[in-house]
C-alpha atoms as a PDB file:
ATOM      1  CA  MET A   1     -17.244  47.702  -5.974  1.00  0.00           C
ATOM      2  CA  ASN A   2     -20.041  48.961  -8.191  1.00  0.00           C
ATOM      3  CA  MET A   3     -22.771  46.448  -8.979  1.00  0.00           C
ATOM      4  CA  TYR A   4     -24.426  46.336 -12.389  1.00  0.00           C
ATOM      5  CA  SER A   5     -27.120  44.248 -14.049  1.00  0.00           C
ATOM      6  CA  LYS A   6     -26.667  42.138 -17.158  1.00  0.00           C
ATOM      7  CA  ILE A   7     -28.944  39.929 -19.270  1.00  0.00           C
ATOM      8  CA  SER A   8     -27.969  36.326 -18.510  1.00  0.00           C
ATOM      9  CA  GLY A   9     -30.725  34.544 -20.406  1.00  0.00           C
ATOM     10  CA  THR A  10     -33.579  35.098 -22.858  1.00  0.00           C
ATOM     11  CA  GLY A  11     -36.642  33.053 -23.737  1.00  0.00           C
ATOM     12  CA  SER A  12     -39.905  33.277 -25.664  1.00  0.00           C
ATOM     13  CA  TYR A  13     -43.034  31.338 -26.482  1.00  0.00           C
ATOM     14  CA  LEU A  14     -45.808  31.578 -29.057  1.00  0.00           C
ATOM     15  CA  PRO A  15     -49.036  29.593 -28.799  1.00  0.00           C
ATOM     16  CA  PRO A  16     -49.237  26.940 -31.552  1.00  0.00           C
ATOM     17  CA  LYS A  17     -52.255  28.400 -33.353  1.00  0.00           C
ATOM     18  CA  ARG A  18     -50.912  30.561 -36.205  1.00  0.00           C
ATOM     19  CA  VAL A  19     -53.431  32.846 -37.901  1.00  0.00           C
ATOM     20  CA  THR A  20     -52.451  34.249 -41.293  1.00  0.00           C
ATOM     21  CA  ASN A  21     -53.955  37.324 -42.909  1.00  0.00           C
ATOM     22  CA  GLN A  22     -55.818  34.997 -45.253  1.00  0.00           C
ATOM     23  CA  ASP A  23     -57.287  33.127 -42.278  1.00  0.00           C
ATOM     24  CA  LEU A  24     -58.389  36.369 -40.682  1.00  0.00           C
ATOM     25  CA  THR A  25     -59.810  37.701 -43.940  1.00  0.00           C
ATOM     26  CA  LEU A  26     -62.074  34.649 -44.235  1.00  0.00           C
ATOM     27  CA  GLN A  27     -63.179  34.966 -40.612  1.00  0.00           C
ATOM     28  CA  LEU A  28     -64.050  38.643 -41.017  1.00  0.00           C
ATOM     29  CA  ALA A  29     -65.771  38.088 -44.370  1.00  0.00           C
ATOM     30  CA  ALA A  30     -68.188  35.720 -42.641  1.00  0.00           C
ATOM     31  CA  GLN A  31     -69.234  38.737 -40.543  1.00  0.00           C
ATOM     32  CA  GLY A  32     -69.535  41.024 -43.557  1.00  0.00           C
ATOM     33  CA  ILE A  33     -66.285  42.870 -42.875  1.00  0.00           C
ATOM     34  CA  GLU A  34     -64.006  43.396 -45.848  1.00  0.00           C
ATOM     35  CA  THR A  35     -60.222  43.231 -45.616  1.00  0.00           C
ATOM     36  CA  SER A  36     -57.377  41.475 -47.397  1.00  0.00           C
ATOM     37  CA  ASP A  37     -53.833  40.253 -46.960  1.00  0.00           C
ATOM     38  CA  GLU A  38     -52.584  43.197 -49.039  1.00  0.00           C
ATOM     39  CA  TRP A  39     -54.580  45.731 -46.989  1.00  0.00           C
ATOM     40  CA  ILE A  40     -53.210  44.438 -43.678  1.00  0.00           C
ATOM     41  CA  LEU A  41     -49.648  43.944 -44.923  1.00  0.00           C
ATOM     42  CA  SER A  42     -49.348  47.357 -46.566  1.00  0.00           C
ATOM     43  CA  ARG A  43     -50.557  49.213 -43.466  1.00  0.00           C
ATOM     44  CA  SER A  44     -48.794  47.265 -40.740  1.00  0.00           C
ATOM     45  CA  GLY A  45     -46.245  44.828 -42.159  1.00  0.00           C
ATOM     46  CA  ILE A  46     -48.106  41.977 -40.474  1.00  0.00           C
ATOM     47  CA  ALA A  47     -48.570  38.689 -42.320  1.00  0.00           C
ATOM     48  CA  ALA A  48     -49.505  36.416 -39.413  1.00  0.00           C
ATOM     49  CA  ARG A  49     -49.977  36.272 -35.655  1.00  0.00           C
ATOM     50  CA  HIS A  50     -50.583  33.604 -33.007  1.00  0.00           C
ATOM     51  CA  PHE A  51     -53.732  33.214 -30.896  1.00  0.00           C
ATOM     52  CA  ALA A  52     -53.967  31.266 -27.666  1.00  0.00           C
ATOM     53  CA  GLU A  53     -56.554  28.518 -27.400  1.00  0.00           C
ATOM     54  CA  PRO A  54     -59.532  28.969 -25.045  1.00  0.00           C
ATOM     55  CA  GLY A  55     -58.503  28.437 -21.438  1.00  0.00           C
ATOM     56  CA  VAL A  56     -54.872  29.386 -22.040  1.00  0.00           C
ATOM     57  CA  CYS A  57     -53.905  32.411 -19.949  1.00  0.00           C
ATOM     58  CA  SER A  58     -51.067  34.920 -19.959  1.00  0.00           C
ATOM     59  CA  SER A  59     -49.432  33.003 -17.110  1.00  0.00           C
ATOM     60  CA  ASP A  60     -49.337  29.819 -19.210  1.00  0.00           C
ATOM     61  CA  LEU A  61     -47.453  31.597 -22.001  1.00  0.00           C
ATOM     62  CA  ALA A  62     -45.243  33.366 -19.464  1.00  0.00           C
ATOM     63  CA  VAL A  63     -44.140  30.127 -17.807  1.00  0.00           C
ATOM     64  CA  GLN A  64     -42.994  28.675 -21.130  1.00  0.00           C
ATOM     65  CA  ALA A  65     -40.909  31.766 -21.948  1.00  0.00           C
ATOM     66  CA  ALA A  66     -39.554  31.949 -18.399  1.00  0.00           C
ATOM     67  CA  GLU A  67     -38.443  28.304 -18.387  1.00  0.00           C
ATOM     68  CA  ARG A  68     -36.396  28.936 -21.528  1.00  0.00           C
ATOM     69  CA  ALA A  69     -34.817  32.145 -20.207  1.00  0.00           C
ATOM     70  CA  ILE A  70     -33.850  30.490 -16.922  1.00  0.00           C
ATOM     71  CA  ALA A  71     -32.396  27.498 -18.768  1.00  0.00           C
ATOM     72  CA  MET A  72     -30.226  29.793 -20.916  1.00  0.00           C
ATOM     73  CA  SER A  73     -29.028  31.680 -17.827  1.00  0.00           C
ATOM     74  CA  GLY A  74     -27.725  28.456 -16.290  1.00  0.00           C
ATOM     75  CA  LEU A  75     -29.392  29.301 -12.985  1.00  0.00           C
ATOM     76  CA  ASP A  76     -31.530  27.127 -10.794  1.00  0.00           C
ATOM     77  CA  LYS A  77     -35.068  28.403 -10.346  1.00  0.00           C
ATOM     78  CA  SER A  78     -34.391  28.762  -6.618  1.00  0.00           C
ATOM     79  CA  GLN A  79     -31.894  31.533  -7.421  1.00  0.00           C
ATOM     80  CA  ILE A  80     -34.596  33.800  -8.904  1.00  0.00           C
ATOM     81  CA  ASP A  81     -35.381  36.326  -6.167  1.00  0.00           C
ATOM     82  CA  LEU A  82     -37.805  38.632  -7.989  1.00  0.00           C
ATOM     83  CA  ILE A  83     -40.365  38.229 -10.777  1.00  0.00           C
ATOM     84  CA  ILE A  84     -41.665  41.275 -12.645  1.00  0.00           C
ATOM     85  CA  LEU A  85     -44.345  40.557 -15.232  1.00  0.00           C
ATOM     86  CA  ALA A  86     -45.560  43.162 -17.714  1.00  0.00           C
ATOM     87  CA  THR A  87     -49.051  42.542 -19.056  1.00  0.00           C
ATOM     88  CA  SER A  88     -52.289  44.256 -20.043  1.00  0.00           C
ATOM     89  CA  THR A  89     -54.154  40.954 -20.073  1.00  0.00           C
ATOM     90  CA  PRO A  90     -53.755  39.520 -16.564  1.00  0.00           C
ATOM     91  CA  ASP A  91     -55.175  36.137 -15.648  1.00  0.00           C
ATOM     92  CA  HIS A  92     -57.795  37.620 -13.317  1.00  0.00           C
ATOM     93  CA  LEU A  93     -60.222  40.528 -13.393  1.00  0.00           C
ATOM     94  CA  GLY A  94     -58.980  43.397 -11.301  1.00  0.00           C
ATOM     95  CA  GLY A  95     -55.464  42.109 -11.788  1.00  0.00           C
ATOM     96  CA  PHE A  96     -55.228  40.134  -8.565  1.00  0.00           C
ATOM     97  CA  PRO A  97     -53.741  37.910  -7.596  1.00  0.00           C
ATOM     98  CA  SER A  98     -51.038  39.267  -9.870  1.00  0.00           C
ATOM     99  CA  THR A  99     -50.134  37.161 -12.871  1.00  0.00           C
ATOM    100  CA  ALA A 100     -46.537  37.319 -11.610  1.00  0.00           C
ATOM    101  CA  CYS A 101     -47.574  35.509  -8.431  1.00  0.00           C
ATOM    102  CA  ILE A 102     -49.372  32.860 -10.496  1.00  0.00           C
ATOM    103  CA  VAL A 103     -46.247  32.396 -12.613  1.00  0.00           C
ATOM    104  CA  GLN A 104     -44.164  32.107  -9.451  1.00  0.00           C
ATOM    105  CA  ARG A 105     -46.415  29.272  -8.262  1.00  0.00           C
ATOM    106  CA  LYS A 106     -46.402  27.510 -11.613  1.00  0.00           C
ATOM    107  CA  LEU A 107     -42.606  27.696 -11.776  1.00  0.00           C
ATOM    108  CA  GLY A 108     -42.309  26.308  -8.259  1.00  0.00           C
ATOM    109  CA  ILE A 109     -40.316  29.289  -7.000  1.00  0.00           C
ATOM    110  CA  LYS A 110     -40.727  29.750  -3.245  1.00  0.00           C
ATOM    111  CA  ASN A 111     -38.592  32.776  -2.441  1.00  0.00           C
ATOM    112  CA  GLY A 112     -38.503  36.423  -3.373  1.00  0.00           C
ATOM    113  CA  ALA A 113     -41.136  38.910  -4.481  1.00  0.00           C
ATOM    114  CA  ALA A 114     -43.406  39.000  -7.527  1.00  0.00           C
ATOM    115  CA  PHE A 115     -45.543  41.747  -9.032  1.00  0.00           C
ATOM    116  CA  ASP A 116     -47.100  42.967 -12.273  1.00  0.00           C
ATOM    117  CA  VAL A 117     -46.305  46.139 -14.211  1.00  0.00           C
ATOM    118  CA  GLN A 118     -48.966  47.811 -16.344  1.00  0.00           C
ATOM    119  CA  ALA A 119     -47.592  50.179 -18.961  1.00  0.00           C
ATOM    120  CA  VAL A 120     -49.174  48.390 -21.952  1.00  0.00           C
ATOM    121  CA  CYS A 121     -46.697  48.050 -24.836  1.00  0.00           C
ATOM    122  CA  SER A 122     -43.971  49.863 -22.858  1.00  0.00           C
ATOM    123  CA  GLY A 123     -44.366  47.443 -19.962  1.00  0.00           C
ATOM    124  CA  PHE A 124     -41.254  45.393 -20.659  1.00  0.00           C
ATOM    125  CA  VAL A 125     -39.017  48.479 -20.863  1.00  0.00           C
ATOM    126  CA  TYR A 126     -40.521  49.748 -17.615  1.00  0.00           C
ATOM    127  CA  ALA A 127     -39.908  46.358 -15.968  1.00  0.00           C
ATOM    128  CA  VAL A 128     -36.269  46.242 -17.090  1.00  0.00           C
ATOM    129  CA  SER A 129     -35.661  49.702 -15.658  1.00  0.00           C
ATOM    130  CA  ILE A 130     -37.196  48.689 -12.310  1.00  0.00           C
ATOM    131  CA  ALA A 131     -35.211  45.452 -12.154  1.00  0.00           C
ATOM    132  CA  ASP A 132     -31.970  47.240 -13.018  1.00  0.00           C
ATOM    133  CA  ALA A 133     -32.533  49.700 -10.161  1.00  0.00           C
ATOM    134  CA  MET A 134     -33.324  46.874  -7.713  1.00  0.00           C
ATOM    135  CA  ILE A 135     -30.130  45.005  -8.602  1.00  0.00           C
ATOM    136  CA  LYS A 136     -27.944  48.111  -8.453  1.00  0.00           C
ATOM    137  CA  ALA A 137     -29.431  48.903  -5.026  1.00  0.00           C
ATOM    138  CA  GLY A 138     -28.364  45.475  -3.814  1.00  0.00           C
ATOM    139  CA  ALA A 139     -31.934  44.286  -3.185  1.00  0.00           C
ATOM    140  CA  ASN A 140     -31.881  41.456  -5.754  1.00  0.00           C
ATOM    141  CA  LYS A 141     -29.401  39.292  -7.644  1.00  0.00           C
ATOM    142  CA  HIS A 142     -31.424  37.481 -10.300  1.00  0.00           C
ATOM    143  CA  VAL A 143     -34.644  39.012 -11.630  1.00  0.00           C
ATOM    144  CA  LEU A 144     -36.991  37.205 -14.003  1.00  0.00           C
ATOM    145  CA  ILE A 145     -38.643  39.786 -16.285  1.00  0.00           C
ATOM    146  CA  ILE A 146     -41.544  38.653 -18.473  1.00  0.00           C
ATOM    147  CA  GLY A 147     -43.851  40.260 -21.007  1.00  0.00           C
ATOM    148  CA  ALA A 148     -46.925  38.103 -21.642  1.00  0.00           C
ATOM    149  CA  GLU A 149     -50.182  38.842 -23.436  1.00  0.00           C
ATOM    150  CA  VAL A 150     -53.374  37.212 -24.715  1.00  0.00           C
ATOM    151  CA  PHE A 151     -54.613  40.246 -26.636  1.00  0.00           C
ATOM    152  CA  SER A 152     -56.911  38.064 -28.721  1.00  0.00           C
ATOM    153  CA  ARG A 153     -59.277  38.118 -25.712  1.00  0.00           C
ATOM    154  CA  ILE A 154     -59.800  41.881 -25.944  1.00  0.00           C
ATOM    155  CA  LEU A 155     -60.076  42.249 -29.722  1.00  0.00           C
ATOM    156  CA  ASP A 156     -63.321  43.355 -31.324  1.00  0.00           C
ATOM    157  CA  PHE A 157     -63.513  41.293 -34.510  1.00  0.00           C
ATOM    158  CA  LYS A 158     -65.980  43.787 -35.924  1.00  0.00           C
ATOM    159  CA  ASP A 159     -63.292  46.481 -35.899  1.00  0.00           C
ATOM    160  CA  ARG A 160     -60.826  45.707 -38.677  1.00  0.00           C
ATOM    161  CA  GLY A 161     -58.683  48.671 -37.642  1.00  0.00           C
ATOM    162  CA  THR A 162     -57.562  46.873 -34.477  1.00  0.00           C
ATOM    163  CA  CYS A 163     -58.360  43.158 -34.729  1.00  0.00           C
ATOM    164  CA  VAL A 164     -55.823  42.563 -37.509  1.00  0.00           C
ATOM    165  CA  LEU A 165     -52.927  44.096 -35.569  1.00  0.00           C
ATOM    166  CA  PHE A 166     -52.518  42.126 -32.368  1.00  0.00           C
ATOM    167  CA  GLY A 167     -51.389  38.663 -31.349  1.00  0.00           C
ATOM    168  CA  ASP A 168     -50.594  36.547 -28.300  1.00  0.00           C
ATOM    169  CA  GLY A 169     -47.213  35.505 -26.941  1.00  0.00           C
ATOM    170  CA  ALA A 170     -44.618  35.848 -24.209  1.00  0.00           C
ATOM    171  CA  GLY A 171     -40.980  36.821 -23.927  1.00  0.00           C
ATOM    172  CA  ALA A 172     -38.651  36.783 -20.942  1.00  0.00           C
ATOM    173  CA  ILE A 173     -35.161  37.634 -19.768  1.00  0.00           C
ATOM    174  CA  VAL A 174     -33.177  36.951 -16.631  1.00  0.00           C
ATOM    175  CA  LEU A 175     -31.375  40.050 -15.417  1.00  0.00           C
ATOM    176  CA  SER A 176     -28.498  39.190 -13.091  1.00  0.00           C
ATOM    177  CA  ALA A 177     -26.111  41.103 -10.862  1.00  0.00           C
ATOM    178  CA  SER A 178     -22.771  41.544 -12.608  1.00  0.00           C
ATOM    179  CA  GLU A 179     -19.426  43.233 -12.127  1.00  0.00           C
ATOM    180  CA  GLU A 180     -19.619  44.251 -15.784  1.00  0.00           C
ATOM    181  CA  PRO A 181     -22.126  46.847 -17.055  1.00  0.00           C
ATOM    182  CA  GLY A 182     -25.067  45.353 -18.950  1.00  0.00           C
ATOM    183  CA  ILE A 183     -27.967  47.780 -18.700  1.00  0.00           C
ATOM    184  CA  LEU A 184     -26.198  50.995 -19.656  1.00  0.00           C
ATOM    185  CA  ALA A 185     -29.121  53.443 -19.471  1.00  0.00           C
ATOM    186  CA  ALA A 186     -32.902  53.608 -19.319  1.00  0.00           C
ATOM    187  CA  LYS A 187     -35.335  56.454 -19.880  1.00  0.00           C
ATOM    188  CA  LEU A 188     -39.075  56.261 -19.139  1.00  0.00           C
ATOM    189  CA  HIS A 189     -41.928  58.699 -19.797  1.00  0.00           C
ATOM    190  CA  ALA A 190     -45.697  58.963 -19.592  1.00  0.00           C
ATOM    191  CA  ASP A 191     -48.321  61.555 -20.515  1.00  0.00           C
ATOM    192  CA  GLY A 192     -51.853  60.845 -19.342  1.00  0.00           C
ATOM    193  CA  ASN A 193     -53.204  63.599 -21.571  1.00  0.00           C
ATOM    194  CA  TYR A 194     -53.104  61.049 -24.392  1.00  0.00           C
ATOM    195  CA  SER A 195     -54.820  58.257 -22.468  1.00  0.00           C
ATOM    196  CA  HIS A 196     -57.874  58.410 -24.730  1.00  0.00           C
ATOM    197  CA  ILE A 197     -56.101  57.499 -27.988  1.00  0.00           C
ATOM    198  CA  LEU A 198     -55.367  53.895 -26.989  1.00  0.00           C
ATOM    199  CA  SER A 199     -57.364  52.179 -24.277  1.00  0.00           C
ATOM    200  CA  VAL A 200     -59.827  49.523 -23.198  1.00  0.00           C
ATOM    201  CA  PRO A 201     -62.492  51.926 -21.958  1.00  0.00           C
ATOM    202  CA  GLY A 202     -64.673  49.516 -19.990  1.00  0.00           C
ATOM    203  CA  ASN A 203     -64.998  49.315 -16.213  1.00  0.00           C
ATOM    204  CA  LEU A 204     -65.905  46.429 -13.927  1.00  0.00           C
ATOM    205  CA  ALA A 205     -68.787  47.337 -11.613  1.00  0.00           C
ATOM    206  CA  CYS A 206     -71.002  45.053  -9.536  1.00  0.00           C
ATOM    207  CA  GLY A 207     -69.908  41.994 -11.476  1.00  0.00           C
ATOM    208  CA  ALA A 208     -70.570  43.449 -14.923  1.00  0.00           C
ATOM    209  CA  VAL A 209     -68.592  45.386 -17.520  1.00  0.00           C
ATOM    210  CA  GLU A 210     -69.668  48.981 -18.000  1.00  0.00           C
ATOM    211  CA  GLY A 211     -68.621  50.317 -21.402  1.00  0.00           C
ATOM    212  CA  SER A 212     -66.473  48.387 -23.862  1.00  0.00           C
ATOM    213  CA  ALA A 213     -64.113  45.562 -22.919  1.00  0.00           C
ATOM    214  CA  PHE A 214     -62.375  45.783 -26.309  1.00  0.00           C
ATOM    215  CA  ILE A 215     -59.369  47.780 -27.487  1.00  0.00           C
ATOM    216  CA  SER A 216     -60.165  51.269 -28.746  1.00  0.00           C
ATOM    217  CA  MET A 217     -57.483  53.019 -30.786  1.00  0.00           C
ATOM    218  CA  ASP A 218     -57.131  56.237 -32.739  1.00  0.00           C
ATOM    219  CA  GLY A 219     -54.660  54.762 -35.224  1.00  0.00           C
ATOM    220  CA  PRO A 220     -53.450  57.969 -36.926  1.00  0.00           C
ATOM    221  CA  ALA A 221     -52.939  59.729 -33.573  1.00  0.00           C
ATOM    222  CA  VAL A 222     -51.009  56.785 -32.128  1.00  0.00           C
ATOM    223  CA  PHE A 223     -48.853  56.544 -35.258  1.00  0.00           C
ATOM    224  CA  LYS A 224     -47.996  60.249 -35.256  1.00  0.00           C
ATOM    225  CA  LEU A 225     -47.139  60.295 -31.549  1.00  0.00           C
ATOM    226  CA  ALA A 226     -45.120  57.073 -31.686  1.00  0.00           C
ATOM    227  CA  VAL A 227     -42.937  58.247 -34.567  1.00  0.00           C
ATOM    228  CA  SER A 228     -42.154  61.462 -32.734  1.00  0.00           C
ATOM    229  CA  LEU A 229     -41.536  60.021 -29.269  1.00  0.00           C
ATOM    230  CA  LEU A 230     -39.513  56.930 -30.115  1.00  0.00           C
ATOM    231  CA  GLU A 231     -36.685  58.837 -31.784  1.00  0.00           C
ATOM    232  CA  LYS A 232     -36.541  61.336 -28.907  1.00  0.00           C
ATOM    233  CA  VAL A 233     -36.434  58.738 -26.131  1.00  0.00           C
ATOM    234  CA  ALA A 234     -33.835  56.706 -28.034  1.00  0.00           C
ATOM    235  CA  GLN A 235     -31.575  59.758 -28.189  1.00  0.00           C
ATOM    236  CA  GLU A 236     -32.168  60.418 -24.482  1.00  0.00           C
ATOM    237  CA  ALA A 237     -31.153  56.889 -23.540  1.00  0.00           C
ATOM    238  CA  LEU A 238     -28.100  57.000 -25.794  1.00  0.00           C
ATOM    239  CA  GLU A 239     -27.009  60.318 -24.283  1.00  0.00           C
ATOM    240  CA  ALA A 240     -27.419  58.894 -20.771  1.00  0.00           C
ATOM    241  CA  ALA A 241     -25.239  55.947 -21.801  1.00  0.00           C
ATOM    242  CA  GLY A 242     -22.606  58.290 -23.278  1.00  0.00           C
ATOM    243  CA  MET A 243     -23.198  56.884 -26.732  1.00  0.00           C
ATOM    244  CA  VAL A 244     -24.482  57.833 -30.166  1.00  0.00           C
ATOM    245  CA  SER A 245     -26.604  55.779 -32.523  1.00  0.00           C
ATOM    246  CA  SER A 246     -23.593  54.660 -34.563  1.00  0.00           C
ATOM    247  CA  ASP A 247     -22.371  52.825 -31.442  1.00  0.00           C
ATOM    248  CA  LEU A 248     -25.378  50.522 -31.568  1.00  0.00           C
ATOM    249  CA  ASP A 249     -25.237  47.052 -33.069  1.00  0.00           C
ATOM    250  CA  TRP A 250     -28.995  46.447 -33.003  1.00  0.00           C
ATOM    251  CA  LEU A 251     -32.314  48.217 -32.617  1.00  0.00           C
ATOM    252  CA  VAL A 252     -34.971  46.014 -31.004  1.00  0.00           C
ATOM    253  CA  PRO A 253     -38.153  48.100 -31.140  1.00  0.00           C
ATOM    254  CA  HIS A 254     -41.660  47.357 -29.970  1.00  0.00           C
ATOM    255  CA  GLN A 255     -43.202  45.406 -32.829  1.00  0.00           C
ATOM    256  CA  ALA A 256     -46.289  47.515 -33.480  1.00  0.00           C
ATOM    257  CA  ASN A 257     -46.081  48.633 -37.081  1.00  0.00           C
ATOM    258  CA  ILE A 258     -43.312  48.223 -39.638  1.00  0.00           C
ATOM    259  CA  ARG A 259     -43.654  51.838 -40.798  1.00  0.00           C
ATOM    260  CA  ILE A 260     -43.110  53.162 -37.261  1.00  0.00           C
ATOM    261  CA  MET A 261     -40.070  50.913 -36.862  1.00  0.00           C
ATOM    262  CA  GLN A 262     -38.587  51.949 -40.200  1.00  0.00           C
ATOM    263  CA  SER A 263     -39.164  55.627 -39.474  1.00  0.00           C
ATOM    264  CA  THR A 264     -37.409  55.390 -36.100  1.00  0.00           C
ATOM    265  CA  ALA A 265     -34.454  53.527 -37.597  1.00  0.00           C
ATOM    266  CA  LYS A 266     -34.122  56.109 -40.361  1.00  0.00           C
ATOM    267  CA  LYS A 267     -34.110  58.986 -37.874  1.00  0.00           C
ATOM    268  CA  LEU A 268     -31.402  57.210 -35.867  1.00  0.00           C
ATOM    269  CA  GLY A 269     -29.387  56.570 -39.018  1.00  0.00           C
ATOM    270  CA  MET A 270     -29.542  52.801 -38.570  1.00  0.00           C
ATOM    271  CA  PRO A 271     -29.699  50.560 -41.659  1.00  0.00           C
ATOM    272  CA  PRO A 272     -32.679  48.203 -42.001  1.00  0.00           C
ATOM    273  CA  ASP A 273     -30.480  45.129 -41.516  1.00  0.00           C
ATOM    274  CA  LYS A 274     -29.686  46.303 -37.978  1.00  0.00           C
ATOM    275  CA  VAL A 275     -33.356  46.396 -36.942  1.00  0.00           C
ATOM    276  CA  VAL A 276     -34.808  43.206 -35.450  1.00  0.00           C
ATOM    277  CA  VAL A 277     -38.216  42.662 -37.071  1.00  0.00           C
ATOM    278  CA  THR A 278     -40.720  40.015 -35.978  1.00  0.00           C
ATOM    279  CA  VAL A 279     -43.946  41.984 -36.430  1.00  0.00           C
ATOM    280  CA  ASP A 280     -44.509  40.238 -39.777  1.00  0.00           C
ATOM    281  CA  GLN A 281     -44.987  36.855 -38.068  1.00  0.00           C
ATOM    282  CA  HIS A 282     -46.039  37.824 -34.528  1.00  0.00           C
ATOM    283  CA  GLY A 283     -48.209  40.899 -34.975  1.00  0.00           C
ATOM    284  CA  ASN A 284     -48.256  43.348 -32.075  1.00  0.00           C
ATOM    285  CA  THR A 285     -47.889  41.329 -28.873  1.00  0.00           C
ATOM    286  CA  SER A 286     -47.772  44.432 -26.674  1.00  0.00           C
ATOM    287  CA  ALA A 287     -45.540  43.955 -23.606  1.00  0.00           C
ATOM    288  CA  ALA A 288     -44.282  40.637 -25.015  1.00  0.00           C
ATOM    289  CA  SER A 289     -43.069  42.049 -28.331  1.00  0.00           C
ATOM    290  CA  ILE A 290     -39.627  43.351 -27.334  1.00  0.00           C
ATOM    291  CA  PRO A 291     -38.471  40.276 -25.368  1.00  0.00           C
ATOM    292  CA  LEU A 292     -39.926  38.017 -28.078  1.00  0.00           C
ATOM    293  CA  ALA A 293     -37.921  39.827 -30.751  1.00  0.00           C
ATOM    294  CA  LEU A 294     -34.815  39.925 -28.571  1.00  0.00           C
ATOM    295  CA  ASP A 295     -34.931  36.185 -27.927  1.00  0.00           C
ATOM    296  CA  CYS A 296     -35.456  35.397 -31.610  1.00  0.00           C
ATOM    297  CA  ALA A 297     -32.367  37.405 -32.559  1.00  0.00           C
ATOM    298  CA  VAL A 298     -30.265  35.934 -29.746  1.00  0.00           C
ATOM    299  CA  ARG A 299     -31.183  32.365 -30.624  1.00  0.00           C
ATOM    300  CA  ASP A 300     -30.665  32.730 -34.365  1.00  0.00           C
ATOM    301  CA  GLY A 301     -27.220  34.184 -33.746  1.00  0.00           C
ATOM    302  CA  ARG A 302     -27.748  37.746 -34.895  1.00  0.00           C
ATOM    303  CA  ILE A 303     -27.328  39.315 -31.465  1.00  0.00           C
ATOM    304  CA  LYS A 304     -24.045  38.205 -29.915  1.00  0.00           C
ATOM    305  CA  SER A 305     -22.384  38.595 -26.546  1.00  0.00           C
ATOM    306  CA  GLY A 306     -20.710  41.982 -26.180  1.00  0.00           C
ATOM    307  CA  GLN A 307     -22.938  43.726 -28.705  1.00  0.00           C
ATOM    308  CA  THR A 308     -25.010  46.774 -27.794  1.00  0.00           C
ATOM    309  CA  VAL A 309     -28.767  46.913 -28.347  1.00  0.00           C
ATOM    310  CA  LEU A 310     -31.388  49.583 -27.910  1.00  0.00           C
ATOM    311  CA  MET A 311     -34.867  48.399 -26.897  1.00  0.00           C
ATOM    312  CA  GLU A 312     -37.744  50.871 -27.040  1.00  0.00           C
ATOM    313  CA  GLY A 313     -41.520  50.966 -26.990  1.00  0.00           C
ATOM    314  CA  VAL A 314     -44.655  53.078 -26.755  1.00  0.00           C
ATOM    315  CA  GLY A 315     -47.997  52.091 -25.295  1.00  0.00           C
ATOM    316  CA  GLY A 316     -51.358  53.201 -24.002  1.00  0.00           C
ATOM    317  CA  GLY A 317     -51.217  55.594 -21.121  1.00  0.00           C
ATOM    318  CA  PHE A 318     -49.556  57.172 -23.066  1.00  0.00           C
ATOM    319  CA  THR A 319     -46.239  55.568 -22.033  1.00  0.00           C
ATOM    320  CA  TRP A 320     -42.869  55.278 -23.716  1.00  0.00           C
ATOM    321  CA  GLY A 321     -39.296  54.357 -22.886  1.00  0.00           C
ATOM    322  CA  ALA A 322     -35.953  53.030 -24.061  1.00  0.00           C
ATOM    323  CA  VAL A 323     -33.170  50.868 -22.649  1.00  0.00           C
ATOM    324  CA  VAL A 324     -29.586  50.596 -23.878  1.00  0.00           C
ATOM    325  CA  ALA A 325     -27.992  47.246 -23.015  1.00  0.00           C
ATOM    326  CA  ARG A 326     -24.715  45.480 -23.662  1.00  0.00           C
ATOM    327  CA  MET A 327     -25.326  41.780 -24.130  1.00  0.00           C
END
């Protein structure tokens, strides 16, 4: 009998502190930096985002999202036999111990493996593809996949081109072994030749940061590349699944920029009401953005059991990928 993987639960969490464009405009004005709600909204589609309070780490957000995904799955925590956590903002410098291991401890899970994935905004798609392969190989039965970020910690609030775009949050799914196909296809890519257009260029050496510890982004270059790559990888994933875009019920894209999302949907021939959009209220939460959006649409009843969704993202690296899943 062939074994497949299927999403059995979703969950998400946003830190309570909501920061509107007006809030951010006042904060930046105090530093002599001009922006406005209209300027931010027209360029990104973002109206608000959430920031974690001091002392709150990616693992704290991840645990909240994970608890909700596990509860929806109907599983006991002891049945989770692998945790994969996608993040660019791990709890510790150097990335170890992994944030996944910290989440495992905080959840009280004693068995199985745990590790982090670093593919920036594509991290969740990468993690789903890995988990799907592990389940199909018979190595695992119930995998907890989390995207969690505290990007507010690496924002330069003197750079209005980046500080207005990102937010904090976490999203999670439980991917379980199933006799019915759930993850229908996944396609992943990377091209290190574009690593310079989106990065945090600092290095840790002898206890100090060399270079910048803040996000650096060539916005126009990222936009141009994202628009081109997302449509191509979506078509690749659909072809691998033996489907065409008209077979899709929902597009759940990485929530980076409303114009990128709209452009991708248009190229795929999908109407705007079939695109799950949360960027307006969440901002860009990097690896957390896709599972956050997915959970929102599952819980408000838009995405229903049996429907087919395409999840896709691009991120620093440069990385990109897409997953076709039947819910």
